[in-house]
């Protein structure tokens, strides 16, 4: 978690981010966006919380230090008057998600009516109080249900945690957040599904319009948008039969080659990039093993039958979504409810 302050803090992020950061309309909102490299490929993804006097960048634990030093280097190279501070150890983040997230949170906040959909719209950021502690609530979800990220001072976290647990909310591990539930929603993960080998359009995360302001990688991004189609697309696959040769049900994880059943060869796109699963996990809500993989354009077709190899055995898979297409709550209504 990094605070970016100073006279040029918005200019720095406007240059680095593909999404629009500036403008008064963005104050009080969380903006999901990306760093691109000079080739227009995806360097990083994160959320920017736009405050009146600063921006707070919430990053992944693995990519955070890399992005922190990258921002500082760019600010120095371009002469921006900014201060970038690592505030990670000052705060704790707790996520509360699920069909009853609002109802449970309303039990412990001081003003429950402030959490209604009308008073607290999706992607908004507001200050609330739980157990007498100040909490920054960000209405966002990475697991397919309504909910909030709650950010609080480190010393206040235990009191907030205990208050939330008093509602009988179930504490679950990172797997729900990092893999199973987010994959049911076709949500991408940096350094797995988002890579510098692929562009935003191939990941199906490009915004409908390109912002007016210049940003790193913009020229290449515009070039890719002008293509009739992309060389590859990130697709959602499901394993249609996960029983191995010994009759045991398998739940694959890791990076698996994606192959053409007719040739047994790993798929290769026009740029020479081979197809592998970028993420794979069991989706408990839909009861299937789900994988994400970049497929060559000619193979990126719903209903297409392919194969993956796992520990020397072949398993059939089917393409069920091209680009961003959730298997659970396809209209994305639940997080916004």
C-alpha atoms as a PDB file:
ATOM      1  CA  UNK A   1       0.000   0.000   0.000  1.00  0.00           C
ATOM      2  CA  UNK A   2       1.582   3.249  -1.156  1.00  0.00           C
ATOM      3  CA  UNK A   3       0.629   6.900  -0.682  1.00  0.00           C
ATOM      4  CA  UNK A   4       1.490   9.199  -3.582  1.00  0.00           C
ATOM      5  CA  UNK A   5       1.466  12.868  -2.582  1.00  0.00           C
ATOM      6  CA  UNK A   6       2.766  16.197  -3.785  1.00  0.00           C
ATOM      7  CA  UNK A   7       1.933  18.784  -6.461  1.00  0.00           C
ATOM      8  CA  UNK A   8       2.407  16.310  -9.326  1.00  0.00           C
ATOM      9  CA  UNK A   9       0.930  13.157  -7.775  1.00  0.00           C
ATOM     10  CA  UNK A  10      -2.027  13.037 -10.170  1.00  0.00           C
ATOM     11  CA  UNK A  11       0.208  13.764 -13.168  1.00  0.00           C
ATOM     12  CA  UNK A  12       2.501  10.879 -12.269  1.00  0.00           C
ATOM     13  CA  UNK A  13      -0.326   8.376 -12.054  1.00  0.00           C
ATOM     14  CA  UNK A  14      -2.011   9.779 -15.143  1.00  0.00           C
ATOM     15  CA  UNK A  15       1.186   9.064 -17.073  1.00  0.00           C
ATOM     16  CA  UNK A  16       1.672   5.594 -15.623  1.00  0.00           C
ATOM     17  CA  UNK A  17      -1.923   4.323 -15.585  1.00  0.00           C
ATOM     18  CA  UNK A  18      -4.067   3.261 -18.525  1.00  0.00           C
ATOM     19  CA  UNK A  19      -7.239   4.460 -16.774  1.00  0.00           C
ATOM     20  CA  UNK A  20      -8.120   8.082 -16.097  1.00  0.00           C
ATOM     21  CA  UNK A  21      -6.991   9.110 -12.622  1.00  0.00           C
ATOM     22  CA  UNK A  22      -7.451  12.878 -12.756  1.00  0.00           C
ATOM     23  CA  UNK A  23     -10.617  14.930 -12.555  1.00  0.00           C
ATOM     24  CA  UNK A  24     -12.764  15.845  -9.573  1.00  0.00           C
ATOM     25  CA  UNK A  25     -15.280  13.130 -10.449  1.00  0.00           C
ATOM     26  CA  UNK A  26     -12.767  10.464  -9.414  1.00  0.00           C
ATOM     27  CA  UNK A  27     -12.219  11.821  -5.906  1.00  0.00           C
ATOM     28  CA  UNK A  28     -13.682   9.399  -3.397  1.00  0.00           C
ATOM     29  CA  UNK A  29     -13.561   6.463  -5.788  1.00  0.00           C
ATOM     30  CA  UNK A  30     -11.454   3.386  -6.283  1.00  0.00           C
ATOM     31  CA  UNK A  31     -10.076   2.974  -9.805  1.00  0.00           C
ATOM     32  CA  UNK A  32      -8.929  -0.410 -11.057  1.00  0.00           C
ATOM     33  CA  UNK A  33      -6.182   0.144 -13.591  1.00  0.00           C
ATOM     34  CA  UNK A  34      -2.880  -1.042 -15.053  1.00  0.00           C
ATOM     35  CA  UNK A  35       0.672  -0.052 -15.764  1.00  0.00           C
ATOM     36  CA  UNK A  36       1.650  -0.847 -19.341  1.00  0.00           C
ATOM     37  CA  UNK A  37       5.181  -1.083 -20.640  1.00  0.00           C
ATOM     38  CA  UNK A  38       6.445   0.703 -23.747  1.00  0.00           C
ATOM     39  CA  UNK A  39       5.192  -2.191 -25.892  1.00  0.00           C
ATOM     40  CA  UNK A  40       1.675  -1.787 -24.515  1.00  0.00           C
ATOM     41  CA  UNK A  41       1.851  -5.030 -22.551  1.00  0.00           C
ATOM     42  CA  UNK A  42       0.495  -5.456 -19.026  1.00  0.00           C
ATOM     43  CA  UNK A  43       3.142  -4.642 -16.448  1.00  0.00           C
ATOM     44  CA  UNK A  44       0.941  -4.441 -13.335  1.00  0.00           C
ATOM     45  CA  UNK A  45      -2.620  -4.211 -12.071  1.00  0.00           C
ATOM     46  CA  UNK A  46      -3.838  -2.582  -8.863  1.00  0.00           C
ATOM     47  CA  UNK A  47      -6.410  -0.199  -7.432  1.00  0.00           C
ATOM     48  CA  UNK A  48      -5.917   3.527  -6.962  1.00  0.00           C
ATOM     49  CA  UNK A  49      -7.946   5.145  -4.191  1.00  0.00           C
ATOM     50  CA  UNK A  50      -8.324   8.767  -5.192  1.00  0.00           C
ATOM     51  CA  UNK A  51      -8.405  11.121  -2.223  1.00  0.00           C
ATOM     52  CA  UNK A  52      -8.635  14.887  -2.219  1.00  0.00           C
ATOM     53  CA  UNK A  53      -4.977  15.391  -1.309  1.00  0.00           C
ATOM     54  CA  UNK A  54      -3.296  12.138  -2.376  1.00  0.00           C
ATOM     55  CA  UNK A  55      -3.677   8.818  -4.104  1.00  0.00           C
ATOM     56  CA  UNK A  56      -3.311   5.489  -2.339  1.00  0.00           C
ATOM     57  CA  UNK A  57      -2.211   2.580  -4.500  1.00  0.00           C
ATOM     58  CA  UNK A  58      -3.273  -0.858  -3.268  1.00  0.00           C
ATOM     59  CA  UNK A  59      -1.093  -3.511  -4.839  1.00  0.00           C
ATOM     60  CA  UNK A  60      -0.466  -7.227  -4.647  1.00  0.00           C
ATOM     61  CA  UNK A  61       2.031  -8.390  -2.047  1.00  0.00           C
ATOM     62  CA  UNK A  62       4.236 -10.040  -4.672  1.00  0.00           C
ATOM     63  CA  UNK A  63       4.308  -7.160  -7.149  1.00  0.00           C
ATOM     64  CA  UNK A  64       4.155  -4.281  -4.678  1.00  0.00           C
ATOM     65  CA  UNK A  65       7.871  -3.670  -4.049  1.00  0.00           C
ATOM     66  CA  UNK A  66       8.576  -3.843  -7.785  1.00  0.00           C
ATOM     67  CA  UNK A  67       5.863  -1.289  -8.563  1.00  0.00           C
ATOM     68  CA  UNK A  68       6.931   0.959  -5.673  1.00  0.00           C
ATOM     69  CA  UNK A  69      10.480   1.322  -6.990  1.00  0.00           C
ATOM     70  CA  UNK A  70       9.201   1.643 -10.550  1.00  0.00           C
ATOM     71  CA  UNK A  71       7.009   4.622  -9.607  1.00  0.00           C
ATOM     72  CA  UNK A  72       9.882   6.289  -7.810  1.00  0.00           C
ATOM     73  CA  UNK A  73      12.210   5.827 -10.787  1.00  0.00           C
ATOM     74  CA  UNK A  74       9.674   7.227 -13.233  1.00  0.00           C
ATOM     75  CA  UNK A  75       8.928  10.200 -10.983  1.00  0.00           C
ATOM     76  CA  UNK A  76      12.633  10.993 -10.773  1.00  0.00           C
ATOM     77  CA  UNK A  77      13.236  10.513 -14.496  1.00  0.00           C
ATOM     78  CA  UNK A  78      10.356  12.794 -15.478  1.00  0.00           C
ATOM     79  CA  UNK A  79      10.990  15.380 -12.774  1.00  0.00           C
ATOM     80  CA  UNK A  80       7.638  15.029 -11.032  1.00  0.00           C
ATOM     81  CA  UNK A  81       7.378  16.688  -7.624  1.00  0.00           C
ATOM     82  CA  UNK A  82       5.944  13.796  -5.629  1.00  0.00           C
ATOM     83  CA  UNK A  83       6.535  11.830  -2.469  1.00  0.00           C
ATOM     84  CA  UNK A  84       5.844   8.100  -2.565  1.00  0.00           C
ATOM     85  CA  UNK A  85       5.598   6.427   0.825  1.00  0.00           C
ATOM     86  CA  UNK A  86       5.251   2.753   1.663  1.00  0.00           C
ATOM     87  CA  UNK A  87       2.468   2.691   4.280  1.00  0.00           C
ATOM     88  CA  UNK A  88       1.872  -1.062   4.124  1.00  0.00           C
ATOM     89  CA  UNK A  89       2.880  -1.715   7.730  1.00  0.00           C
ATOM     90  CA  UNK A  90       0.633   1.045   9.051  1.00  0.00           C
ATOM     91  CA  UNK A  91      -2.599  -0.572   7.920  1.00  0.00           C
ATOM     92  CA  UNK A  92      -4.477  -3.843   7.922  1.00  0.00           C
ATOM     93  CA  UNK A  93      -6.988  -4.841   5.252  1.00  0.00           C
ATOM     94  CA  UNK A  94      -9.926  -7.137   5.981  1.00  0.00           C
ATOM     95  CA  UNK A  95     -12.322  -8.260   3.267  1.00  0.00           C
ATOM     96  CA  UNK A  96     -15.940  -9.013   4.091  1.00  0.00           C
ATOM     97  CA  UNK A  97     -17.781 -10.610   1.179  1.00  0.00           C
ATOM     98  CA  UNK A  98     -20.800 -12.769   0.563  1.00  0.00           C
ATOM     99  CA  UNK A  99     -24.583 -12.579   0.115  1.00  0.00           C
ATOM    100  CA  UNK A 100     -24.932 -11.298   3.704  1.00  0.00           C
ATOM    101  CA  UNK A 101     -21.946  -8.956   3.721  1.00  0.00           C
ATOM    102  CA  UNK A 102     -24.050  -5.809   4.014  1.00  0.00           C
ATOM    103  CA  UNK A 103     -26.358  -7.261   6.663  1.00  0.00           C
ATOM    104  CA  UNK A 104     -23.422  -8.445   8.770  1.00  0.00           C
ATOM    105  CA  UNK A 105     -21.502  -5.206   8.411  1.00  0.00           C
ATOM    106  CA  UNK A 106     -24.587  -3.205   9.373  1.00  0.00           C
ATOM    107  CA  UNK A 107     -24.628  -5.049  12.702  1.00  0.00           C
ATOM    108  CA  UNK A 108     -21.327  -3.527  13.776  1.00  0.00           C
ATOM    109  CA  UNK A 109     -21.082  -0.085  12.129  1.00  0.00           C
ATOM    110  CA  UNK A 110     -22.202   3.026  13.968  1.00  0.00           C
ATOM    111  CA  UNK A 111     -24.539   4.208  11.184  1.00  0.00           C
ATOM    112  CA  UNK A 112     -25.999   1.150   9.413  1.00  0.00           C
ATOM    113  CA  UNK A 113     -28.090   3.218   7.015  1.00  0.00           C
ATOM    114  CA  UNK A 114     -24.896   4.540   5.447  1.00  0.00           C
ATOM    115  CA  UNK A 115     -24.256   1.095   3.946  1.00  0.00           C
ATOM    116  CA  UNK A 116     -27.393   0.919   1.821  1.00  0.00           C
ATOM    117  CA  UNK A 117     -26.885   0.617  -1.904  1.00  0.00           C
ATOM    118  CA  UNK A 118     -28.216   4.144  -2.397  1.00  0.00           C
ATOM    119  CA  UNK A 119     -25.838   5.645   0.158  1.00  0.00           C
ATOM    120  CA  UNK A 120     -22.809   3.508  -0.659  1.00  0.00           C
ATOM    121  CA  UNK A 121     -22.619   2.684  -4.387  1.00  0.00           C
ATOM    122  CA  UNK A 122     -20.247   0.187  -5.945  1.00  0.00           C
ATOM    123  CA  UNK A 123     -16.587   1.327  -6.157  1.00  0.00           C
ATOM    124  CA  UNK A 124     -17.182   4.160  -3.675  1.00  0.00           C
ATOM    125  CA  UNK A 125     -14.938   4.832  -0.685  1.00  0.00           C
ATOM    126  CA  UNK A 126     -16.294   6.119   2.617  1.00  0.00           C
ATOM    127  CA  UNK A 127     -15.223   6.461   6.218  1.00  0.00           C
ATOM    128  CA  UNK A 128     -17.111   4.288   8.708  1.00  0.00           C
ATOM    129  CA  UNK A 129     -16.664   3.356  12.367  1.00  0.00           C
ATOM    130  CA  UNK A 130     -16.542  -0.163  13.772  1.00  0.00           C
ATOM    131  CA  UNK A 131     -15.945  -0.921  17.465  1.00  0.00           C
ATOM    132  CA  UNK A 132     -15.084   2.740  17.978  1.00  0.00           C
ATOM    133  CA  UNK A 133     -12.356   2.597  15.320  1.00  0.00           C
ATOM    134  CA  UNK A 134     -12.065   4.600  12.129  1.00  0.00           C
ATOM    135  CA  UNK A 135     -12.220   2.403   9.034  1.00  0.00           C
ATOM    136  CA  UNK A 136     -11.902   3.249   5.345  1.00  0.00           C
ATOM    137  CA  UNK A 137     -14.468   1.115   3.523  1.00  0.00           C
ATOM    138  CA  UNK A 138     -14.042   0.437  -0.191  1.00  0.00           C
ATOM    139  CA  UNK A 139     -17.016  -1.229  -1.848  1.00  0.00           C
ATOM    140  CA  UNK A 140     -15.408  -3.741  -4.198  1.00  0.00           C
ATOM    141  CA  UNK A 141     -15.323  -7.503  -4.600  1.00  0.00           C
ATOM    142  CA  UNK A 142     -12.908 -10.086  -5.965  1.00  0.00           C
ATOM    143  CA  UNK A 143     -15.033 -13.114  -5.088  1.00  0.00           C
ATOM    144  CA  UNK A 144     -18.330 -12.704  -6.953  1.00  0.00           C
ATOM    145  CA  UNK A 145     -20.532 -11.418  -4.140  1.00  0.00           C
ATOM    146  CA  UNK A 146     -21.268  -8.047  -2.573  1.00  0.00           C
ATOM    147  CA  UNK A 147     -18.806  -6.765  -0.035  1.00  0.00           C
ATOM    148  CA  UNK A 148     -16.161  -4.351   1.107  1.00  0.00           C
ATOM    149  CA  UNK A 149     -12.455  -4.023   1.655  1.00  0.00           C
ATOM    150  CA  UNK A 150     -11.945  -2.501   5.089  1.00  0.00           C
ATOM    151  CA  UNK A 151      -8.722  -0.591   5.748  1.00  0.00           C
ATOM    152  CA  UNK A 152      -7.768   0.425   9.270  1.00  0.00           C
ATOM    153  CA  UNK A 153      -4.774   1.392  11.373  1.00  0.00           C
ATOM    154  CA  UNK A 154      -2.695  -1.601  12.412  1.00  0.00           C
ATOM    155  CA  UNK A 155      -3.434  -1.105  16.097  1.00  0.00           C
ATOM    156  CA  UNK A 156      -7.188  -1.064  15.474  1.00  0.00           C
ATOM    157  CA  UNK A 157      -7.374  -4.259  13.460  1.00  0.00           C
ATOM    158  CA  UNK A 158      -7.997  -6.746  16.270  1.00  0.00           C
ATOM    159  CA  UNK A 159     -10.980  -4.789  17.592  1.00  0.00           C
ATOM    160  CA  UNK A 160     -12.470  -4.585  14.096  1.00  0.00           C
ATOM    161  CA  UNK A 161     -11.791  -8.282  13.470  1.00  0.00           C
ATOM    162  CA  UNK A 162     -13.469  -9.291  16.725  1.00  0.00           C
ATOM    163  CA  UNK A 163     -16.494  -7.149  15.915  1.00  0.00           C
ATOM    164  CA  UNK A 164     -16.854  -8.760  12.499  1.00  0.00           C
ATOM    165  CA  UNK A 165     -16.446 -12.257  13.932  1.00  0.00           C
ATOM    166  CA  UNK A 166     -19.196 -11.516  16.457  1.00  0.00           C
ATOM    167  CA  UNK A 167     -21.659 -11.498  13.546  1.00  0.00           C
ATOM    168  CA  UNK A 168     -20.877 -15.194  12.908  1.00  0.00           C
ATOM    169  CA  UNK A 169     -19.172 -14.293   9.643  1.00  0.00           C
ATOM    170  CA  UNK A 170     -16.911 -17.194   8.697  1.00  0.00           C
ATOM    171  CA  UNK A 171     -13.171 -16.584   8.426  1.00  0.00           C
ATOM    172  CA  UNK A 172     -11.789 -18.269   5.317  1.00  0.00           C
ATOM    173  CA  UNK A 173      -8.295 -18.559   3.913  1.00  0.00           C
ATOM    174  CA  UNK A 174      -6.708 -16.887   0.933  1.00  0.00           C
ATOM    175  CA  UNK A 175      -7.694 -19.651  -1.510  1.00  0.00           C
ATOM    176  CA  UNK A 176     -11.255 -18.311  -1.799  1.00  0.00           C
ATOM    177  CA  UNK A 177      -9.919 -14.866  -2.641  1.00  0.00           C
ATOM    178  CA  UNK A 178      -6.898 -15.856  -4.696  1.00  0.00           C
ATOM    179  CA  UNK A 179      -8.274 -18.650  -6.819  1.00  0.00           C
ATOM    180  CA  UNK A 180     -11.547 -20.530  -6.525  1.00  0.00           C
ATOM    181  CA  UNK A 181     -14.131 -17.745  -6.201  1.00  0.00           C
ATOM    182  CA  UNK A 182     -12.320 -15.207  -8.339  1.00  0.00           C
ATOM    183  CA  UNK A 183     -12.023 -17.769 -11.150  1.00  0.00           C
ATOM    184  CA  UNK A 184     -15.753 -18.447 -11.059  1.00  0.00           C
ATOM    185  CA  UNK A 185     -15.972 -14.740 -11.916  1.00  0.00           C
ATOM    186  CA  UNK A 186     -13.246 -14.891 -14.596  1.00  0.00           C
ATOM    187  CA  UNK A 187     -11.217 -12.331 -12.646  1.00  0.00           C
ATOM    188  CA  UNK A 188      -7.569 -12.029 -13.610  1.00  0.00           C
ATOM    189  CA  UNK A 189      -4.507 -12.328 -11.386  1.00  0.00           C
ATOM    190  CA  UNK A 190      -1.352 -10.291 -11.920  1.00  0.00           C
ATOM    191  CA  UNK A 191       1.785 -12.307 -12.753  1.00  0.00           C
ATOM    192  CA  UNK A 192      -0.399 -15.272 -13.639  1.00  0.00           C
ATOM    193  CA  UNK A 193      -3.094 -14.176 -16.097  1.00  0.00           C
ATOM    194  CA  UNK A 194      -1.677 -10.694 -16.641  1.00  0.00           C
ATOM    195  CA  UNK A 195       1.788 -10.782 -18.154  1.00  0.00           C
ATOM    196  CA  UNK A 196       4.128  -8.645 -20.200  1.00  0.00           C
ATOM    197  CA  UNK A 197       3.740 -11.161 -23.040  1.00  0.00           C
ATOM    198  CA  UNK A 198       0.100 -10.116 -23.610  1.00  0.00           C
ATOM    199  CA  UNK A 199      -1.768  -6.849 -24.031  1.00  0.00           C
ATOM    200  CA  UNK A 200      -4.879  -5.488 -22.320  1.00  0.00           C
ATOM    201  CA  UNK A 201      -7.133  -6.365 -25.234  1.00  0.00           C
ATOM    202  CA  UNK A 202      -5.995  -9.978 -25.226  1.00  0.00           C
ATOM    203  CA  UNK A 203      -6.783 -10.058 -21.501  1.00  0.00           C
ATOM    204  CA  UNK A 204     -10.143  -8.402 -22.306  1.00  0.00           C
ATOM    205  CA  UNK A 205      -9.531  -5.660 -19.764  1.00  0.00           C
ATOM    206  CA  UNK A 206      -9.276  -2.694 -22.117  1.00  0.00           C
ATOM    207  CA  UNK A 207     -11.701   0.114 -21.358  1.00  0.00           C
ATOM    208  CA  UNK A 208     -14.319   1.054 -23.971  1.00  0.00           C
ATOM    209  CA  UNK A 209     -12.519   4.318 -24.681  1.00  0.00           C
ATOM    210  CA  UNK A 210      -8.906   5.378 -24.449  1.00  0.00           C
ATOM    211  CA  UNK A 211      -8.377   8.414 -22.244  1.00  0.00           C
ATOM    212  CA  UNK A 212      -7.211  11.654 -23.846  1.00  0.00           C
ATOM    213  CA  UNK A 213      -4.156  12.046 -21.636  1.00  0.00           C
ATOM    214  CA  UNK A 214      -0.938  10.431 -22.764  1.00  0.00           C
ATOM    215  CA  UNK A 215       0.290   7.418 -20.822  1.00  0.00           C
ATOM    216  CA  UNK A 216       3.119   4.944 -21.108  1.00  0.00           C
ATOM    217  CA  UNK A 217       2.354   2.367 -23.784  1.00  0.00           C
ATOM    218  CA  UNK A 218      -0.511   4.385 -25.284  1.00  0.00           C
ATOM    219  CA  UNK A 219       0.813   4.368 -28.854  1.00  0.00           C
ATOM    220  CA  UNK A 220       1.140   0.589 -28.884  1.00  0.00           C
ATOM    221  CA  UNK A 221      -2.191   0.191 -27.125  1.00  0.00           C
ATOM    222  CA  UNK A 222      -3.884   2.200 -29.878  1.00  0.00           C
ATOM    223  CA  UNK A 223      -2.089   0.113 -32.483  1.00  0.00           C
ATOM    224  CA  UNK A 224      -3.434  -3.091 -30.933  1.00  0.00           C
ATOM    225  CA  UNK A 225      -6.954  -1.674 -30.773  1.00  0.00           C
ATOM    226  CA  UNK A 226      -6.856  -1.059 -34.522  1.00  0.00           C
ATOM    227  CA  UNK A 227      -6.363  -4.763 -35.261  1.00  0.00           C
ATOM    228  CA  UNK A 228      -9.259  -6.716 -36.716  1.00  0.00           C
ATOM    229  CA  UNK A 229      -8.692  -9.206 -33.907  1.00  0.00           C
ATOM    230  CA  UNK A 230      -5.978 -10.020 -31.388  1.00  0.00           C
ATOM    231  CA  UNK A 231      -3.484 -12.858 -31.960  1.00  0.00           C
ATOM    232  CA  UNK A 232      -4.753 -14.543 -28.789  1.00  0.00           C
ATOM    233  CA  UNK A 233      -7.510 -14.159 -26.217  1.00  0.00           C
ATOM    234  CA  UNK A 234      -7.640 -15.094 -22.567  1.00  0.00           C
ATOM    235  CA  UNK A 235     -10.329 -17.767 -22.378  1.00  0.00           C
ATOM    236  CA  UNK A 236     -12.124 -19.665 -19.650  1.00  0.00           C
ATOM    237  CA  UNK A 237     -11.966 -23.457 -19.871  1.00  0.00           C
ATOM    238  CA  UNK A 238     -13.615 -26.170 -17.811  1.00  0.00           C
ATOM    239  CA  UNK A 239     -12.309 -29.687 -17.343  1.00  0.00           C
ATOM    240  CA  UNK A 240     -15.067 -31.951 -18.664  1.00  0.00           C
ATOM    241  CA  UNK A 241     -13.651 -35.177 -17.204  1.00  0.00           C
ATOM    242  CA  UNK A 242     -11.209 -35.132 -14.294  1.00  0.00           C
ATOM    243  CA  UNK A 243     -10.987 -38.884 -13.639  1.00  0.00           C
ATOM    244  CA  UNK A 244      -7.484 -40.282 -14.090  1.00  0.00           C
ATOM    245  CA  UNK A 245      -6.427 -43.700 -15.399  1.00  0.00           C
ATOM    246  CA  UNK A 246      -6.843 -45.198 -11.919  1.00  0.00           C
ATOM    247  CA  UNK A 247     -10.372 -43.908 -11.507  1.00  0.00           C
ATOM    248  CA  UNK A 248      -9.360 -41.137  -9.105  1.00  0.00           C
ATOM    249  CA  UNK A 249     -10.833 -37.633  -9.409  1.00  0.00           C
ATOM    250  CA  UNK A 250      -8.069 -35.088  -9.950  1.00  0.00           C
ATOM    251  CA  UNK A 251      -8.142 -31.360  -9.251  1.00  0.00           C
ATOM    252  CA  UNK A 252      -5.262 -29.932 -11.284  1.00  0.00           C
ATOM    253  CA  UNK A 253      -3.228 -26.926 -10.275  1.00  0.00           C
ATOM    254  CA  UNK A 254      -0.289 -25.198 -11.888  1.00  0.00           C
ATOM    255  CA  UNK A 255       0.771 -24.463 -15.451  1.00  0.00           C
ATOM    256  CA  UNK A 256      -0.514 -27.081 -17.894  1.00  0.00           C
ATOM    257  CA  UNK A 257      -0.001 -27.153 -21.677  1.00  0.00           C
ATOM    258  CA  UNK A 258      -3.189 -26.682 -23.702  1.00  0.00           C
ATOM    259  CA  UNK A 259      -3.241 -28.988 -26.717  1.00  0.00           C
ATOM    260  CA  UNK A 260      -5.133 -29.689 -29.916  1.00  0.00           C
ATOM    261  CA  UNK A 261      -6.811 -33.127 -29.537  1.00  0.00           C
ATOM    262  CA  UNK A 262      -6.233 -33.912 -33.212  1.00  0.00           C
ATOM    263  CA  UNK A 263      -2.468 -33.400 -33.159  1.00  0.00           C
ATOM    264  CA  UNK A 264      -1.591 -33.675 -29.487  1.00  0.00           C
ATOM    265  CA  UNK A 265       0.547 -30.564 -29.922  1.00  0.00           C
ATOM    266  CA  UNK A 266       0.570 -27.520 -27.663  1.00  0.00           C
ATOM    267  CA  UNK A 267      -1.266 -24.586 -29.261  1.00  0.00           C
ATOM    268  CA  UNK A 268       0.920 -21.786 -30.643  1.00  0.00           C
ATOM    269  CA  UNK A 269      -0.375 -18.388 -31.764  1.00  0.00           C
ATOM    270  CA  UNK A 270       0.839 -16.264 -34.687  1.00  0.00           C
ATOM    271  CA  UNK A 271       3.430 -14.583 -32.472  1.00  0.00           C
ATOM    272  CA  UNK A 272       4.920 -17.906 -31.406  1.00  0.00           C
ATOM    273  CA  UNK A 273       3.439 -17.867 -27.900  1.00  0.00           C
ATOM    274  CA  UNK A 274       2.461 -21.276 -26.553  1.00  0.00           C
ATOM    275  CA  UNK A 275      -0.815 -21.834 -24.703  1.00  0.00           C
ATOM    276  CA  UNK A 276      -0.643 -22.842 -21.057  1.00  0.00           C
ATOM    277  CA  UNK A 277      -3.099 -22.531 -18.211  1.00  0.00           C
ATOM    278  CA  UNK A 278      -2.362 -19.269 -16.459  1.00  0.00           C
ATOM    279  CA  UNK A 279      -4.672 -20.150 -13.554  1.00  0.00           C
ATOM    280  CA  UNK A 280      -6.553 -23.309 -12.637  1.00  0.00           C
ATOM    281  CA  UNK A 281      -8.662 -24.185  -9.593  1.00  0.00           C
ATOM    282  CA  UNK A 282     -11.833 -25.951  -8.540  1.00  0.00           C
ATOM    283  CA  UNK A 283     -14.911 -23.709  -8.499  1.00  0.00           C
ATOM    284  CA  UNK A 284     -17.118 -24.998  -5.666  1.00  0.00           C
ATOM    285  CA  UNK A 285     -20.175 -22.970  -6.623  1.00  0.00           C
ATOM    286  CA  UNK A 286     -20.356 -24.387 -10.134  1.00  0.00           C
ATOM    287  CA  UNK A 287     -18.765 -27.725  -9.240  1.00  0.00           C
ATOM    288  CA  UNK A 288     -16.127 -27.757 -11.971  1.00  0.00           C
ATOM    289  CA  UNK A 289     -12.398 -27.360 -12.445  1.00  0.00           C
ATOM    290  CA  UNK A 290     -11.874 -23.971 -14.101  1.00  0.00           C
ATOM    291  CA  UNK A 291      -8.826 -22.784 -16.014  1.00  0.00           C
ATOM    292  CA  UNK A 292      -7.783 -19.585 -17.739  1.00  0.00           C
ATOM    293  CA  UNK A 293      -5.489 -19.726 -20.757  1.00  0.00           C
ATOM    294  CA  UNK A 294      -4.498 -17.548 -23.695  1.00  0.00           C
ATOM    295  CA  UNK A 295      -5.616 -19.335 -26.843  1.00  0.00           C
ATOM    296  CA  UNK A 296      -4.724 -18.501 -30.456  1.00  0.00           C
ATOM    297  CA  UNK A 297      -7.519 -16.583 -32.158  1.00  0.00           C
ATOM    298  CA  UNK A 298      -8.479 -19.552 -34.335  1.00  0.00           C
ATOM    299  CA  UNK A 299      -9.046 -21.683 -31.220  1.00  0.00           C
ATOM    300  CA  UNK A 300     -10.789 -19.020 -29.127  1.00  0.00           C
ATOM    301  CA  UNK A 301     -14.304 -20.299 -29.747  1.00  0.00           C
ATOM    302  CA  UNK A 302     -16.928 -21.229 -27.186  1.00  0.00           C
ATOM    303  CA  UNK A 303     -17.616 -24.950 -27.323  1.00  0.00           C
ATOM    304  CA  UNK A 304     -14.156 -25.742 -28.699  1.00  0.00           C
ATOM    305  CA  UNK A 305     -12.833 -29.046 -27.328  1.00  0.00           C
ATOM    306  CA  UNK A 306      -9.180 -29.096 -26.275  1.00  0.00           C
ATOM    307  CA  UNK A 307      -6.914 -31.007 -23.906  1.00  0.00           C
ATOM    308  CA  UNK A 308      -4.537 -30.328 -21.039  1.00  0.00           C
ATOM    309  CA  UNK A 309      -1.748 -32.531 -19.719  1.00  0.00           C
ATOM    310  CA  UNK A 310      -1.357 -33.062 -15.979  1.00  0.00           C
ATOM    311  CA  UNK A 311       1.318 -35.382 -14.566  1.00  0.00           C
ATOM    312  CA  UNK A 312       1.575 -37.253 -17.841  1.00  0.00           C
ATOM    313  CA  UNK A 313      -2.167 -37.821 -18.263  1.00  0.00           C
ATOM    314  CA  UNK A 314      -4.486 -36.105 -20.717  1.00  0.00           C
ATOM    315  CA  UNK A 315      -7.736 -34.471 -19.604  1.00  0.00           C
ATOM    316  CA  UNK A 316     -10.414 -33.013 -21.892  1.00  0.00           C
ATOM    317  CA  UNK A 317     -11.379 -29.359 -21.540  1.00  0.00           C
ATOM    318  CA  UNK A 318     -13.932 -27.150 -23.236  1.00  0.00           C
ATOM    319  CA  UNK A 319     -13.807 -23.434 -23.977  1.00  0.00           C
ATOM    320  CA  UNK A 320     -16.780 -21.896 -22.161  1.00  0.00           C
ATOM    321  CA  UNK A 321     -15.848 -18.235 -22.387  1.00  0.00           C
ATOM    322  CA  UNK A 322     -13.778 -16.019 -24.672  1.00  0.00           C
ATOM    323  CA  UNK A 323     -12.496 -12.939 -22.898  1.00  0.00           C
ATOM    324  CA  UNK A 324     -14.120 -11.816 -19.685  1.00  0.00           C
ATOM    325  CA  UNK A 325     -17.148 -14.059 -19.205  1.00  0.00           C
ATOM    326  CA  UNK A 326     -17.983 -15.128 -15.641  1.00  0.00           C
ATOM    327  CA  UNK A 327     -19.404 -18.592 -15.067  1.00  0.00           C
ATOM    328  CA  UNK A 328     -21.095 -17.382 -11.878  1.00  0.00           C
ATOM    329  CA  UNK A 329     -23.447 -14.386 -11.958  1.00  0.00           C
ATOM    330  CA  UNK A 330     -22.706 -13.668 -15.600  1.00  0.00           C
ATOM    331  CA  UNK A 331     -24.381 -10.246 -15.487  1.00  0.00           C
ATOM    332  CA  UNK A 332     -22.232  -9.253 -12.497  1.00  0.00           C
ATOM    333  CA  UNK A 333     -25.267  -8.182 -10.498  1.00  0.00           C
ATOM    334  CA  UNK A 334     -24.361  -9.646  -7.106  1.00  0.00           C
ATOM    335  CA  UNK A 335     -21.297  -7.474  -6.327  1.00  0.00           C
ATOM    336  CA  UNK A 336     -23.361  -4.412  -7.218  1.00  0.00           C
ATOM    337  CA  UNK A 337     -26.468  -5.442  -5.266  1.00  0.00           C
END
